[in-house]
PDB file of all heavy atoms in Angstrom:
ATOM      1  N   HIS A   1     -14.289  53.918  -3.746  1.00  0.00           N
ATOM      2  CA  HIS A   1     -12.909  53.622  -4.153  1.00  0.00           C
ATOM      3  C   HIS A   1     -12.361  52.293  -3.479  1.00  0.00           C
ATOM      4  O   HIS A   1     -11.496  51.682  -4.146  1.00  0.00           O
ATOM      5  CB  HIS A   1     -12.030  54.801  -3.857  1.00  0.00           C
ATOM      6  CG  HIS A   1     -11.815  55.058  -2.396  1.00  0.00           C
ATOM      7  ND1 HIS A   1     -12.865  55.317  -1.511  1.00  0.00           N
ATOM      8  CD2 HIS A   1     -10.666  55.094  -1.654  1.00  0.00           C
ATOM      9  CE1 HIS A   1     -12.395  55.583  -0.287  1.00  0.00           C
ATOM     10  NE2 HIS A   1     -11.102  55.319  -0.393  1.00  0.00           N
ATOM     11  N   MET A   2     -12.850  51.848  -2.365  1.00  0.00           N
ATOM     12  CA  MET A   2     -12.444  50.639  -1.724  1.00  0.00           C
ATOM     13  C   MET A   2     -13.278  49.451  -2.277  1.00  0.00           C
ATOM     14  O   MET A   2     -12.710  48.274  -2.250  1.00  0.00           O
ATOM     15  CB  MET A   2     -12.475  50.777  -0.205  1.00  0.00           C
ATOM     16  CG  MET A   2     -11.601  51.825   0.364  1.00  0.00           C
ATOM     17  SD  MET A   2      -9.912  51.668  -0.099  1.00  0.00           S
ATOM     18  CE  MET A   2      -9.431  50.032   0.499  1.00  0.00           C
ATOM     19  N   ALA A   3     -14.477  49.745  -2.583  1.00  0.00           N
ATOM     20  CA  ALA A   3     -15.436  48.692  -2.983  1.00  0.00           C
ATOM     21  C   ALA A   3     -15.257  48.340  -4.418  1.00  0.00           C
ATOM     22  O   ALA A   3     -15.597  47.125  -4.876  1.00  0.00           O
ATOM     23  CB  ALA A   3     -16.871  49.022  -2.744  1.00  0.00           C
ATOM     24  N   ALA A   4     -14.645  49.210  -5.292  1.00  0.00           N
ATOM     25  CA  ALA A   4     -14.462  48.875  -6.723  1.00  0.00           C
ATOM     26  C   ALA A   4     -13.202  47.975  -6.854  1.00  0.00           C
ATOM     27  O   ALA A   4     -12.106  48.423  -7.254  1.00  0.00           O
ATOM     28  CB  ALA A   4     -14.191  50.213  -7.569  1.00  0.00           C
ATOM     29  N   GLN A   5     -13.436  46.682  -6.664  1.00  0.00           N
ATOM     30  CA  GLN A   5     -12.240  45.720  -6.802  1.00  0.00           C
ATOM     31  C   GLN A   5     -12.463  44.738  -7.908  1.00  0.00           C
ATOM     32  O   GLN A   5     -11.923  43.675  -7.937  1.00  0.00           O
ATOM     33  CB  GLN A   5     -12.201  44.953  -5.389  1.00  0.00           C
ATOM     34  CG  GLN A   5     -11.882  45.908  -4.232  1.00  0.00           C
ATOM     35  CD  GLN A   5     -11.551  45.059  -2.917  1.00  0.00           C
ATOM     36  OE1 GLN A   5     -11.284  43.893  -3.009  1.00  0.00           O
ATOM     37  NE2 GLN A   5     -11.822  45.698  -1.845  1.00  0.00           N
ATOM     38  N   PHE A   6     -13.294  45.058  -8.818  1.00  0.00           N
ATOM     39  CA  PHE A   6     -13.456  44.083  -9.992  1.00  0.00           C
ATOM     40  C   PHE A   6     -12.330  43.951 -10.865  1.00  0.00           C
ATOM     41  O   PHE A   6     -12.369  42.996 -11.721  1.00  0.00           O
ATOM     42  CB  PHE A   6     -14.844  44.500 -10.741  1.00  0.00           C
ATOM     43  CG  PHE A   6     -14.947  45.893 -11.057  1.00  0.00           C
ATOM     44  CD1 PHE A   6     -14.351  46.515 -12.169  1.00  0.00           C
ATOM     45  CD2 PHE A   6     -15.701  46.822 -10.219  1.00  0.00           C
ATOM     46  CE1 PHE A   6     -14.410  47.842 -12.429  1.00  0.00           C
ATOM     47  CE2 PHE A   6     -15.846  48.111 -10.561  1.00  0.00           C
ATOM     48  CZ  PHE A   6     -15.205  48.686 -11.588  1.00  0.00           C
ATOM     49  N   LEU A   7     -11.411  44.831 -10.829  1.00  0.00           N
ATOM     50  CA  LEU A   7     -10.231  44.621 -11.678  1.00  0.00           C
ATOM     51  C   LEU A   7      -9.087  43.874 -10.965  1.00  0.00           C
ATOM     52  O   LEU A   7      -8.078  43.624 -11.605  1.00  0.00           O
ATOM     53  CB  LEU A   7      -9.724  46.036 -12.157  1.00  0.00           C
ATOM     54  CG  LEU A   7     -10.595  46.733 -13.160  1.00  0.00           C
ATOM     55  CD1 LEU A   7      -9.903  48.026 -13.740  1.00  0.00           C
ATOM     56  CD2 LEU A   7     -10.912  45.910 -14.411  1.00  0.00           C
ATOM     57  N   VAL A   8      -9.199  43.686  -9.679  1.00  0.00           N
ATOM     58  CA  VAL A   8      -8.261  42.943  -8.921  1.00  0.00           C
ATOM     59  C   VAL A   8      -7.926  41.545  -9.516  1.00  0.00           C
ATOM     60  O   VAL A   8      -6.739  41.256  -9.771  1.00  0.00           O
ATOM     61  CB  VAL A   8      -8.582  42.902  -7.380  1.00  0.00           C
ATOM     62  CG1 VAL A   8      -7.509  42.085  -6.655  1.00  0.00           C
ATOM     63  CG2 VAL A   8      -8.466  44.367  -6.723  1.00  0.00           C
ATOM     64  N   PRO A   9      -8.983  40.790  -9.677  1.00  0.00           N
ATOM     65  CA  PRO A   9      -8.763  39.453 -10.328  1.00  0.00           C
ATOM     66  C   PRO A   9      -8.108  39.524 -11.724  1.00  0.00           C
ATOM     67  O   PRO A   9      -7.286  38.673 -12.064  1.00  0.00           O
ATOM     68  CB  PRO A   9     -10.116  38.763 -10.329  1.00  0.00           C
ATOM     69  CG  PRO A   9     -11.005  39.525  -9.372  1.00  0.00           C
ATOM     70  CD  PRO A   9     -10.393  40.934  -9.383  1.00  0.00           C
ATOM     71  N   VAL A  10      -8.467  40.557 -12.401  1.00  0.00           N
ATOM     72  CA  VAL A  10      -7.896  40.743 -13.786  1.00  0.00           C
ATOM     73  C   VAL A  10      -6.413  40.978 -13.708  1.00  0.00           C
ATOM     74  O   VAL A  10      -5.509  40.453 -14.446  1.00  0.00           O
ATOM     75  CB  VAL A  10      -8.626  41.892 -14.507  1.00  0.00           C
ATOM     76  CG1 VAL A  10      -8.022  42.123 -15.893  1.00  0.00           C
ATOM     77  CG2 VAL A  10     -10.146  41.572 -14.631  1.00  0.00           C
ATOM     78  N   ILE A  11      -6.050  41.837 -12.730  1.00  0.00           N
ATOM     79  CA  ILE A  11      -4.530  42.237 -12.602  1.00  0.00           C
ATOM     80  C   ILE A  11      -3.891  41.016 -12.121  1.00  0.00           C
ATOM     81  O   ILE A  11      -2.805  40.706 -12.669  1.00  0.00           O
ATOM     82  CB  ILE A  11      -4.445  43.330 -11.441  1.00  0.00           C
ATOM     83  CG1 ILE A  11      -4.966  44.587 -12.038  1.00  0.00           C
ATOM     84  CG2 ILE A  11      -3.056  43.530 -11.192  1.00  0.00           C
ATOM     85  CD1 ILE A  11      -5.069  45.781 -11.022  1.00  0.00           C
ATOM     86  N   LEU A  12      -4.381  40.208 -11.229  1.00  0.00           N
ATOM     87  CA  LEU A  12      -3.654  39.065 -10.763  1.00  0.00           C
ATOM     88  C   LEU A  12      -3.514  37.966 -11.833  1.00  0.00           C
ATOM     89  O   LEU A  12      -2.516  37.258 -11.940  1.00  0.00           O
ATOM     90  CB  LEU A  12      -4.388  38.448  -9.508  1.00  0.00           C
ATOM     91  CG  LEU A  12      -4.361  39.391  -8.291  1.00  0.00           C
ATOM     92  CD1 LEU A  12      -5.253  38.644  -7.232  1.00  0.00           C
ATOM     93  CD2 LEU A  12      -2.975  39.552  -7.836  1.00  0.00           C
ATOM     94  N   ALA A  13      -4.614  37.794 -12.716  1.00  0.00           N
ATOM     95  CA  ALA A  13      -4.595  36.887 -13.767  1.00  0.00           C
ATOM     96  C   ALA A  13      -3.535  37.293 -14.739  1.00  0.00           C
ATOM     97  O   ALA A  13      -2.910  36.385 -15.433  1.00  0.00           O
ATOM     98  CB  ALA A  13      -5.977  36.884 -14.346  1.00  0.00           C
ATOM     99  N   LEU A  14      -3.225  38.579 -14.946  1.00  0.00           N
ATOM    100  CA  LEU A  14      -2.267  38.972 -15.961  1.00  0.00           C
ATOM    101  C   LEU A  14      -0.886  38.884 -15.333  1.00  0.00           C
ATOM    102  O   LEU A  14       0.110  38.672 -16.118  1.00  0.00           O
ATOM    103  CB  LEU A  14      -2.501  40.409 -16.387  1.00  0.00           C
ATOM    104  CG  LEU A  14      -3.760  40.684 -17.240  1.00  0.00           C
ATOM    105  CD1 LEU A  14      -4.103  42.074 -17.434  1.00  0.00           C
ATOM    106  CD2 LEU A  14      -3.491  39.915 -18.610  1.00  0.00           C
ATOM    107  N   VAL A  15      -0.695  38.916 -14.003  1.00  0.00           N
ATOM    108  CA  VAL A  15       0.566  38.871 -13.406  1.00  0.00           C
ATOM    109  C   VAL A  15       1.081  37.434 -13.280  1.00  0.00           C
ATOM    110  O   VAL A  15       2.113  37.036 -13.542  1.00  0.00           O
ATOM    111  CB  VAL A  15       0.551  39.511 -12.114  1.00  0.00           C
ATOM    112  CG1 VAL A  15       1.939  39.205 -11.344  1.00  0.00           C
ATOM    113  CG2 VAL A  15       0.440  41.022 -12.181  1.00  0.00           C
ATOM    114  N   PHE A  16       0.076  36.471 -12.845  1.00  0.00           N
ATOM    115  CA  PHE A  16       0.357  35.201 -12.444  1.00  0.00           C
ATOM    116  C   PHE A  16      -0.175  34.233 -13.483  1.00  0.00           C
ATOM    117  O   PHE A  16      -1.200  34.417 -14.121  1.00  0.00           O
ATOM    118  CB  PHE A  16      -0.078  34.800 -11.109  1.00  0.00           C
ATOM    119  CG  PHE A  16       0.590  35.655  -9.975  1.00  0.00           C
ATOM    120  CD1 PHE A  16      -0.200  36.529  -9.291  1.00  0.00           C
ATOM    121  CD2 PHE A  16       1.867  35.448  -9.662  1.00  0.00           C
ATOM    122  CE1 PHE A  16       0.265  37.295  -8.237  1.00  0.00           C
ATOM    123  CE2 PHE A  16       2.396  36.235  -8.652  1.00  0.00           C
ATOM    124  CZ  PHE A  16       1.636  37.123  -7.964  1.00  0.00           C
ATOM    125  N   ARG A  17       0.596  33.093 -13.629  1.00  0.00           N
ATOM    126  CA  ARG A  17       0.074  32.005 -14.530  1.00  0.00           C
ATOM    127  C   ARG A  17      -0.653  30.959 -13.626  1.00  0.00           C
ATOM    128  O   ARG A  17      -0.337  30.941 -12.446  1.00  0.00           O
ATOM    129  CB  ARG A  17       1.252  31.306 -15.281  1.00  0.00           C
ATOM    130  CG  ARG A  17       1.984  32.192 -16.291  1.00  0.00           C
ATOM    131  CD  ARG A  17       1.086  32.382 -17.482  1.00  0.00           C
ATOM    132  NE  ARG A  17       0.664  31.178 -18.045  1.00  0.00           N
ATOM    133  CZ  ARG A  17       1.414  30.450 -18.875  1.00  0.00           C
ATOM    134  NH1 ARG A  17       2.603  30.881 -19.344  1.00  0.00           N
ATOM    135  NH2 ARG A  17       0.940  29.382 -19.477  1.00  0.00           N
ATOM    136  N   PRO A  18      -1.348  29.995 -14.231  1.00  0.00           N
ATOM    137  CA  PRO A  18      -1.999  28.903 -13.398  1.00  0.00           C
ATOM    138  C   PRO A  18      -1.042  28.073 -12.674  1.00  0.00           C
ATOM    139  O   PRO A  18       0.094  27.932 -13.157  1.00  0.00           O
ATOM    140  CB  PRO A  18      -2.775  28.157 -14.387  1.00  0.00           C
ATOM    141  CG  PRO A  18      -2.912  29.060 -15.698  1.00  0.00           C
ATOM    142  CD  PRO A  18      -1.778  29.877 -15.659  1.00  0.00           C
ATOM    143  N   GLU A  19      -1.336  27.628 -11.511  1.00  0.00           N
ATOM    144  CA  GLU A  19      -0.561  26.698 -10.735  1.00  0.00           C
ATOM    145  C   GLU A  19      -0.554  25.377 -11.398  1.00  0.00           C
ATOM    146  O   GLU A  19      -1.547  24.853 -11.922  1.00  0.00           O
ATOM    147  CB  GLU A  19      -1.184  26.574  -9.307  1.00  0.00           C
ATOM    148  CG  GLU A  19      -0.377  25.691  -8.465  1.00  0.00           C
ATOM    149  CD  GLU A  19      -1.130  25.140  -7.283  1.00  0.00           C
ATOM    150  OE1 GLU A  19      -2.372  25.081  -7.351  1.00  0.00           O
ATOM    151  OE2 GLU A  19      -0.465  24.797  -6.253  1.00  0.00           O
ATOM    152  N   PRO A  20       0.638  24.757 -11.469  1.00  0.00           N
ATOM    153  CA  PRO A  20       0.833  23.477 -12.137  1.00  0.00           C
ATOM    154  C   PRO A  20       0.641  22.314 -11.174  1.00  0.00           C
ATOM    155  O   PRO A  20       0.637  22.370  -9.999  1.00  0.00           O
ATOM    156  CB  PRO A  20       2.377  23.476 -12.668  1.00  0.00           C
ATOM    157  CG  PRO A  20       2.946  24.243 -11.605  1.00  0.00           C
ATOM    158  CD  PRO A  20       1.956  25.339 -11.060  1.00  0.00           C
ATOM    159  N   ALA A  21       0.511  21.127 -11.860  1.00  0.00           N
ATOM    160  CA  ALA A  21       0.778  19.815 -11.162  1.00  0.00           C
ATOM    161  C   ALA A  21      -0.270  19.345 -10.170  1.00  0.00           C
ATOM    162  O   ALA A  21      -0.072  18.317  -9.584  1.00  0.00           O
ATOM    163  CB  ALA A  21       2.215  19.911 -10.484  1.00  0.00           C
ATOM    164  N   ASP A  22      -1.335  20.107  -9.920  1.00  0.00           N
ATOM    165  CA  ASP A  22      -2.404  19.642  -9.129  1.00  0.00           C
ATOM    166  C   ASP A  22      -3.326  18.811  -9.836  1.00  0.00           C
ATOM    167  O   ASP A  22      -3.836  19.217 -11.039  1.00  0.00           O
ATOM    168  CB  ASP A  22      -3.066  20.643  -8.322  1.00  0.00           C
ATOM    169  CG  ASP A  22      -3.999  20.080  -7.275  1.00  0.00           C
ATOM    170  OD1 ASP A  22      -3.512  19.600  -6.254  1.00  0.00           O
ATOM    171  OD2 ASP A  22      -5.236  20.194  -7.453  1.00  0.00           O
ATOM    172  N   PRO A  23      -3.710  17.551  -9.445  1.00  0.00           N
ATOM    173  CA  PRO A  23      -4.589  16.633 -10.307  1.00  0.00           C
ATOM    174  C   PRO A  23      -5.993  17.318 -10.619  1.00  0.00           C
ATOM    175  O   PRO A  23      -6.510  18.152  -9.786  1.00  0.00           O
ATOM    176  CB  PRO A  23      -4.845  15.417  -9.475  1.00  0.00           C
ATOM    177  CG  PRO A  23      -3.680  15.504  -8.438  1.00  0.00           C
ATOM    178  CD  PRO A  23      -3.250  16.908  -8.246  1.00  0.00           C
ATOM    179  N   GLY A  24      -6.454  17.125 -11.765  1.00  0.00           N
ATOM    180  CA  GLY A  24      -7.667  17.699 -12.114  1.00  0.00           C
ATOM    181  C   GLY A  24      -7.645  18.350 -13.411  1.00  0.00           C
ATOM    182  O   GLY A  24      -6.601  18.768 -13.936  1.00  0.00           O
ATOM    183  N   PRO A  25      -8.874  18.528 -14.054  1.00  0.00           N
ATOM    184  CA  PRO A  25      -8.950  19.081 -15.407  1.00  0.00           C
ATOM    185  C   PRO A  25      -8.392  20.490 -15.520  1.00  0.00           C
ATOM    186  O   PRO A  25      -7.940  20.905 -16.499  1.00  0.00           O
ATOM    187  CB  PRO A  25     -10.415  19.027 -15.733  1.00  0.00           C
ATOM    188  CG  PRO A  25     -11.022  19.016 -14.418  1.00  0.00           C
ATOM    189  CD  PRO A  25     -10.092  18.283 -13.443  1.00  0.00           C
ATOM    190  N   VAL A  26      -8.440  21.237 -14.436  1.00  0.00           N
ATOM    191  CA  VAL A  26      -7.959  22.685 -14.583  1.00  0.00           C
ATOM    192  C   VAL A  26      -6.541  22.783 -14.552  1.00  0.00           C
ATOM    193  O   VAL A  26      -5.905  23.681 -15.237  1.00  0.00           O
ATOM    194  CB  VAL A  26      -8.624  23.494 -13.396  1.00  0.00           C
ATOM    195  CG1 VAL A  26      -8.183  24.988 -13.480  1.00  0.00           C
ATOM    196  CG2 VAL A  26     -10.217  23.518 -13.549  1.00  0.00           C
ATOM    197  N   HIS A  27      -5.806  21.948 -13.830  1.00  0.00           N
ATOM    198  CA  HIS A  27      -4.450  22.077 -13.599  1.00  0.00           C
ATOM    199  C   HIS A  27      -3.643  20.928 -14.253  1.00  0.00           C
ATOM    200  O   HIS A  27      -2.540  20.622 -13.739  1.00  0.00           O
ATOM    201  CB  HIS A  27      -4.203  22.046 -12.078  1.00  0.00           C
ATOM    202  CG  HIS A  27      -4.978  23.019 -11.253  1.00  0.00           C
ATOM    203  ND1 HIS A  27      -4.923  24.370 -11.466  1.00  0.00           N
ATOM    204  CD2 HIS A  27      -5.986  22.787 -10.403  1.00  0.00           C
ATOM    205  CE1 HIS A  27      -5.775  24.934 -10.585  1.00  0.00           C
ATOM    206  NE2 HIS A  27      -6.541  23.991 -10.042  1.00  0.00           N
ATOM    207  N   SER A  28      -4.123  20.372 -15.340  1.00  0.00           N
ATOM    208  CA  SER A  28      -3.356  19.362 -15.925  1.00  0.00           C
ATOM    209  C   SER A  28      -2.269  19.690 -16.783  1.00  0.00           C
ATOM    210  O   SER A  28      -1.343  19.021 -17.010  1.00  0.00           O
ATOM    211  CB  SER A  28      -4.439  18.467 -16.824  1.00  0.00           C
ATOM    212  OG  SER A  28      -4.941  19.357 -17.882  1.00  0.00           O
ATOM    213  N   GLU A  29      -2.174  21.004 -17.206  1.00  0.00           N
ATOM    214  CA  GLU A  29      -1.152  21.467 -18.010  1.00  0.00           C
ATOM    215  C   GLU A  29       0.094  21.836 -17.204  1.00  0.00           C
ATOM    216  O   GLU A  29      -0.109  22.392 -16.108  1.00  0.00           O
ATOM    217  CB  GLU A  29      -1.565  22.656 -18.818  1.00  0.00           C
ATOM    218  CG  GLU A  29      -2.549  22.379 -19.891  1.00  0.00           C
ATOM    219  CD  GLU A  29      -2.921  23.546 -20.732  1.00  0.00           C
ATOM    220  OE1 GLU A  29      -2.151  24.527 -20.655  1.00  0.00           O
ATOM    221  OE2 GLU A  29      -3.808  23.565 -21.538  1.00  0.00           O
ATOM    222  N   ALA A  30       1.242  21.472 -17.587  1.00  0.00           N
ATOM    223  CA  ALA A  30       2.372  21.831 -17.016  1.00  0.00           C
ATOM    224  C   ALA A  30       2.744  23.310 -17.436  1.00  0.00           C
ATOM    225  O   ALA A  30       2.447  23.725 -18.501  1.00  0.00           O
ATOM    226  CB  ALA A  30       3.647  20.954 -17.385  1.00  0.00           C
ATOM    227  N   VAL A  31       3.411  24.062 -16.495  1.00  0.00           N
ATOM    228  CA  VAL A  31       3.750  25.431 -16.842  1.00  0.00           C
ATOM    229  C   VAL A  31       4.929  25.463 -17.842  1.00  0.00           C
ATOM    230  O   VAL A  31       5.918  24.773 -17.526  1.00  0.00           O
ATOM    231  CB  VAL A  31       4.124  26.245 -15.518  1.00  0.00           C
ATOM    232  CG1 VAL A  31       4.655  27.552 -15.893  1.00  0.00           C
ATOM    233  CG2 VAL A  31       2.812  26.314 -14.675  1.00  0.00           C
ATOM    234  N   ARG A  32       4.746  26.161 -18.845  1.00  0.00           N
ATOM    235  CA  ARG A  32       5.801  26.300 -19.816  1.00  0.00           C
ATOM    236  C   ARG A  32       6.281  27.655 -19.934  1.00  0.00           C
ATOM    237  O   ARG A  32       5.447  28.605 -19.705  1.00  0.00           O
ATOM    238  CB  ARG A  32       5.343  25.833 -21.249  1.00  0.00           C
ATOM    239  CG  ARG A  32       4.886  24.449 -21.223  1.00  0.00           C
ATOM    240  CD  ARG A  32       4.345  24.135 -22.728  1.00  0.00           C
ATOM    241  NE  ARG A  32       3.348  24.895 -23.125  1.00  0.00           N
ATOM    242  CZ  ARG A  32       1.998  24.529 -22.801  1.00  0.00           C
ATOM    243  NH1 ARG A  32       1.786  23.518 -22.119  1.00  0.00           N
ATOM    244  NH2 ARG A  32       1.029  25.338 -23.248  1.00  0.00           N
TER     245      ARG A  32
END
């Protein structure tokens, strides 16, 4: 029950949006 953490990134991805404004292809979009 403690090792089964494969849904933790999924939960965080649904709660938070990507970080804006850092140079690079991943973060080039501004948050809307």
